[in-house]
N, C-alpha and C. Protein backbone atom coordinates (compact mmCIF):
# COMPACT_ATOMS: atom_id res chain seq x y z
N MET A 1 20.56 -31.46 15.40
CA MET A 1 21.08 -30.42 14.53
C MET A 1 22.27 -29.76 15.22
N GLU A 2 23.27 -29.44 14.46
CA GLU A 2 24.48 -28.83 15.01
C GLU A 2 24.16 -27.42 15.50
N PRO A 3 24.78 -27.00 16.60
CA PRO A 3 24.50 -25.68 17.17
C PRO A 3 24.82 -24.53 16.20
N GLU A 4 25.92 -24.65 15.47
CA GLU A 4 26.30 -23.59 14.53
C GLU A 4 25.30 -23.49 13.38
N LYS A 5 24.88 -24.61 12.88
CA LYS A 5 23.92 -24.64 11.78
C LYS A 5 22.58 -24.04 12.25
N LYS A 6 22.21 -24.36 13.48
CA LYS A 6 20.96 -23.85 14.05
C LYS A 6 21.03 -22.33 14.19
N LYS A 7 22.16 -21.81 14.65
CA LYS A 7 22.33 -20.36 14.80
C LYS A 7 22.26 -19.66 13.44
N GLN A 8 22.87 -20.26 12.43
CA GLN A 8 22.84 -19.68 11.08
C GLN A 8 21.41 -19.62 10.54
N LEU A 9 20.67 -20.71 10.75
CA LEU A 9 19.29 -20.74 10.28
C LEU A 9 18.42 -19.73 11.02
N GLU A 10 18.62 -19.60 12.32
CA GLU A 10 17.85 -18.64 13.10
C GLU A 10 18.16 -17.20 12.65
N ALA A 11 19.44 -16.92 12.38
CA ALA A 11 19.83 -15.59 11.93
C ALA A 11 19.19 -15.29 10.57
N LYS A 12 19.20 -16.27 9.67
CA LYS A 12 18.60 -16.08 8.35
C LYS A 12 17.09 -15.88 8.48
N LEU A 13 16.46 -16.63 9.37
CA LEU A 13 15.03 -16.49 9.59
C LEU A 13 14.69 -15.11 10.14
N ARG A 14 15.48 -14.61 11.10
CA ARG A 14 15.25 -13.27 11.64
C ARG A 14 15.38 -12.20 10.55
N GLU A 15 16.37 -12.37 9.69
CA GLU A 15 16.59 -11.42 8.60
C GLU A 15 15.41 -11.43 7.63
N MET A 16 14.92 -12.62 7.29
CA MET A 16 13.78 -12.74 6.39
C MET A 16 12.53 -12.13 7.01
N MET A 17 12.33 -12.34 8.31
CA MET A 17 11.15 -11.78 8.99
C MET A 17 11.24 -10.26 9.04
N ALA A 18 12.43 -9.73 9.23
CA ALA A 18 12.61 -8.28 9.27
C ALA A 18 12.29 -7.68 7.89
N LEU A 19 12.74 -8.32 6.82
CA LEU A 19 12.44 -7.84 5.47
C LEU A 19 10.95 -7.89 5.19
N ALA A 20 10.29 -8.95 5.63
CA ALA A 20 8.85 -9.08 5.41
C ALA A 20 8.11 -8.01 6.20
N GLY A 21 8.56 -7.70 7.40
CA GLY A 21 7.93 -6.66 8.21
C GLY A 21 8.08 -5.29 7.58
N GLN A 22 9.22 -5.03 6.95
CA GLN A 22 9.45 -3.73 6.30
C GLN A 22 8.50 -3.55 5.12
N THR A 23 8.30 -4.60 4.33
CA THR A 23 7.42 -4.49 3.17
C THR A 23 5.98 -4.26 3.61
N GLN A 24 5.57 -4.87 4.72
CA GLN A 24 4.21 -4.67 5.22
C GLN A 24 4.04 -3.24 5.70
N GLN A 25 5.04 -2.68 6.34
CA GLN A 25 4.96 -1.31 6.82
C GLN A 25 4.89 -0.34 5.64
N GLU A 26 5.64 -0.63 4.58
CA GLU A 26 5.61 0.23 3.39
C GLU A 26 4.23 0.19 2.75
N GLU A 27 3.61 -1.00 2.72
CA GLU A 27 2.29 -1.13 2.13
C GLU A 27 1.26 -0.35 2.93
N ARG A 28 1.40 -0.35 4.24
CA ARG A 28 0.48 0.39 5.10
C ARG A 28 0.65 1.89 4.91
N ALA A 29 1.88 2.32 4.64
CA ALA A 29 2.15 3.75 4.50
C ALA A 29 1.48 4.33 3.25
N ILE A 30 1.31 3.50 2.23
CA ILE A 30 0.67 3.96 1.00
C ILE A 30 -0.84 3.91 1.20
N GLN A 31 -1.46 5.08 1.20
CA GLN A 31 -2.90 5.14 1.38
C GLN A 31 -3.55 5.47 0.04
N PRO A 32 -4.55 4.69 -0.32
CA PRO A 32 -5.21 4.97 -1.58
C PRO A 32 -5.99 6.27 -1.52
N ARG A 33 -5.98 6.99 -2.64
CA ARG A 33 -6.72 8.23 -2.71
C ARG A 33 -8.20 7.92 -2.87
N PRO A 34 -9.05 8.73 -2.28
CA PRO A 34 -10.48 8.49 -2.48
C PRO A 34 -10.88 8.75 -3.93
N THR A 35 -11.78 7.96 -4.40
CA THR A 35 -12.23 8.10 -5.78
C THR A 35 -13.21 9.26 -5.87
N VAL A 36 -12.89 10.21 -6.68
CA VAL A 36 -13.74 11.37 -6.86
C VAL A 36 -14.18 11.40 -8.31
N ALA A 37 -15.48 11.37 -8.50
CA ALA A 37 -16.01 11.42 -9.86
C ALA A 37 -16.35 12.87 -10.18
N LYS A 38 -15.75 13.40 -11.22
CA LYS A 38 -16.04 14.76 -11.65
C LYS A 38 -17.04 14.69 -12.78
N VAL A 39 -18.16 15.31 -12.56
CA VAL A 39 -19.26 15.23 -13.52
C VAL A 39 -19.55 16.63 -14.06
N ILE A 40 -19.82 16.70 -15.33
CA ILE A 40 -20.24 17.96 -15.95
C ILE A 40 -21.71 17.79 -16.30
N ARG A 41 -22.54 18.60 -15.66
CA ARG A 41 -23.97 18.57 -15.95
C ARG A 41 -24.29 19.58 -17.03
N ARG A 42 -25.01 19.14 -18.00
CA ARG A 42 -25.37 20.04 -19.10
C ARG A 42 -26.89 20.10 -19.22
N ARG A 43 -27.38 21.29 -19.23
CA ARG A 43 -28.81 21.52 -19.44
C ARG A 43 -28.98 22.48 -20.61
N LYS A 44 -29.94 22.25 -21.35
CA LYS A 44 -30.18 23.08 -22.54
C LYS A 44 -30.44 24.53 -22.10
N GLY A 45 -29.66 25.44 -22.65
CA GLY A 45 -29.84 26.84 -22.36
C GLY A 45 -29.15 27.31 -21.10
N GLN A 46 -28.46 26.44 -20.35
CA GLN A 46 -27.74 26.83 -19.12
C GLN A 46 -26.27 26.49 -19.27
N PRO A 47 -25.40 27.23 -18.54
CA PRO A 47 -23.96 26.91 -18.61
C PRO A 47 -23.68 25.56 -17.93
N ASP A 48 -22.53 24.96 -18.30
CA ASP A 48 -22.14 23.67 -17.72
C ASP A 48 -21.88 23.82 -16.22
N LYS A 49 -22.28 22.82 -15.45
CA LYS A 49 -22.04 22.80 -14.00
C LYS A 49 -21.06 21.66 -13.70
N HIS A 50 -20.01 21.98 -12.98
CA HIS A 50 -19.01 20.99 -12.58
C HIS A 50 -19.32 20.52 -11.17
N ILE A 51 -19.55 19.23 -11.02
CA ILE A 51 -19.86 18.65 -9.71
C ILE A 51 -18.73 17.73 -9.33
N ALA A 52 -18.20 17.90 -8.12
CA ALA A 52 -17.10 17.06 -7.67
C ALA A 52 -17.61 15.93 -6.80
């Protein structure tokens, strides 16, 4: 393989790896919120109770 062609391919590969690394870091930065179920308990003759 020609030296210039090899350098071009290596540079393109480094660029692609850097872009892939950035997307992985962005995915890690996004943290899912915990699922919170809000429930309303109803009993006959009593006011509603909100449970988090």
